[in-house]
Amino acid sequence: MRKVYDQEQKRIQEMQKLYVSHKNKKFNYKIEDFDIIGGNWQHKDWKVWMKGDPNRDYSKTKSIVLKYIDECKKPYGQRDLSQFHLCSY
């Protein structure tokens, strides 16, 4: 007899393969990969900007970027990216 899957089960099954292959992926960013302009920052490949220091202090924004880099070196389930926010213009 043939199994019948609903759409949600089918999607979960397809996504599980992607999750397993990406769950331990770590990003190897360097500070040189990021642009810091006017207190905000972004990766050179991104189209969005992230909030940096509200006083536009370069060194404080740089420390925020370094925290982001450290978080991205951790496996997916252990990252805490809640402290990083998109910048809205």
Protein backbone atom coordinates (compact mmCIF):
# COMPACT_ATOMS: atom_id res chain seq x y z
CA MET A 1 0.00 0.00 0.00
CA ARG A 2 1.20 3.48 -0.84
CA LYS A 3 1.79 6.15 1.82
CA VAL A 4 -0.13 9.36 1.43
CA TYR A 5 1.58 12.51 2.74
CA ASP A 6 -0.11 15.80 3.27
CA GLN A 7 1.67 18.91 2.03
CA GLU A 8 3.11 19.80 5.45
CA GLN A 9 4.70 16.38 5.94
CA LYS A 10 6.16 16.51 2.46
CA ARG A 11 7.65 19.96 3.11
CA ILE A 12 9.11 18.84 6.46
CA GLN A 13 10.72 15.85 4.82
CA GLU A 14 12.30 17.99 2.09
CA MET A 15 13.50 20.65 4.53
CA GLN A 16 14.96 18.10 6.92
CA LYS A 17 17.66 17.19 4.40
CA LEU A 18 18.63 20.85 4.07
CA TYR A 19 18.59 21.36 7.82
CA VAL A 20 20.86 18.38 8.45
CA SER A 21 23.35 19.56 5.84
CA HIS A 22 23.40 23.15 7.16
CA LYS A 23 23.01 22.76 10.91
CA ASN A 24 26.76 22.58 11.55
CA LYS A 25 27.78 25.10 8.91
CA LYS A 26 30.00 27.80 10.34
CA PHE A 27 30.81 31.09 8.66
CA ASN A 28 34.42 32.20 8.54
CA TYR A 29 33.97 35.97 8.37
CA LYS A 30 36.77 38.48 8.88
CA ILE A 31 36.42 42.14 9.84
CA GLU A 32 37.64 43.08 6.34
CA ASP A 33 34.50 41.48 4.88
CA PHE A 34 32.33 44.22 6.40
CA ASP A 35 31.74 47.91 5.66
CA ILE A 36 31.25 50.26 8.60
CA ILE A 37 29.78 53.61 7.57
CA GLY A 38 28.11 56.19 9.79
CA GLY A 39 27.70 53.87 12.76
CA ASN A 40 25.99 51.14 10.70
CA TRP A 41 27.53 48.07 9.15
CA GLN A 42 26.97 45.45 6.49
CA HIS A 43 28.71 42.54 4.85
CA LYS A 44 29.98 43.47 1.40
CA ASP A 45 27.67 40.87 -0.21
CA TRP A 46 24.53 41.98 1.66
CA LYS A 47 21.94 44.47 0.46
CA VAL A 48 20.82 45.39 3.99
CA TRP A 49 22.48 47.41 6.74
CA MET A 50 22.66 46.48 10.41
CA LYS A 51 22.47 48.88 13.34
CA GLY A 52 25.75 49.80 14.93
CA ASP A 53 26.57 52.34 17.61
CA PRO A 54 23.86 55.05 17.83
CA ASN A 55 26.56 57.69 18.45
CA ARG A 56 28.33 56.67 15.23
CA ASP A 57 31.45 55.60 17.11
CA TYR A 58 33.55 53.49 14.74
CA SER A 59 35.31 51.47 17.45
CA LYS A 60 32.04 50.55 19.18
CA THR A 61 30.45 49.55 15.87
CA LYS A 62 33.53 47.51 15.07
CA SER A 63 33.16 45.65 18.39
CA ILE A 64 29.52 44.88 17.46
CA VAL A 65 30.72 43.42 14.15
CA LEU A 66 33.34 41.35 15.97
CA LYS A 67 30.62 39.96 18.25
CA TYR A 68 28.62 39.03 15.15
CA ILE A 69 31.64 37.27 13.66
CA ASP A 70 32.14 35.30 16.88
CA GLU A 71 28.48 34.23 16.92
CA CYS A 72 28.67 33.07 13.30
CA LYS A 73 31.56 30.75 14.15
CA LYS A 74 29.22 28.74 16.38
CA PRO A 75 26.97 25.97 15.04
CA TYR A 76 23.46 27.02 14.02
CA GLY A 77 21.62 25.92 17.15
CA GLN A 78 24.07 27.69 19.46
CA ARG A 79 24.08 31.13 17.83
CA ASP A 80 22.41 34.05 19.56
CA LEU A 81 21.79 36.70 16.92
CA SER A 82 19.05 38.45 18.89
CA GLN A 83 21.33 41.39 19.67
CA PHE A 84 21.74 42.34 16.00
CA HIS A 85 19.07 44.41 14.28
CA LEU A 86 18.37 45.61 10.75
CA CYS A 87 18.66 49.31 10.13
CA SER A 88 15.60 51.02 8.69
CA TYR A 89 15.93 54.18 6.66
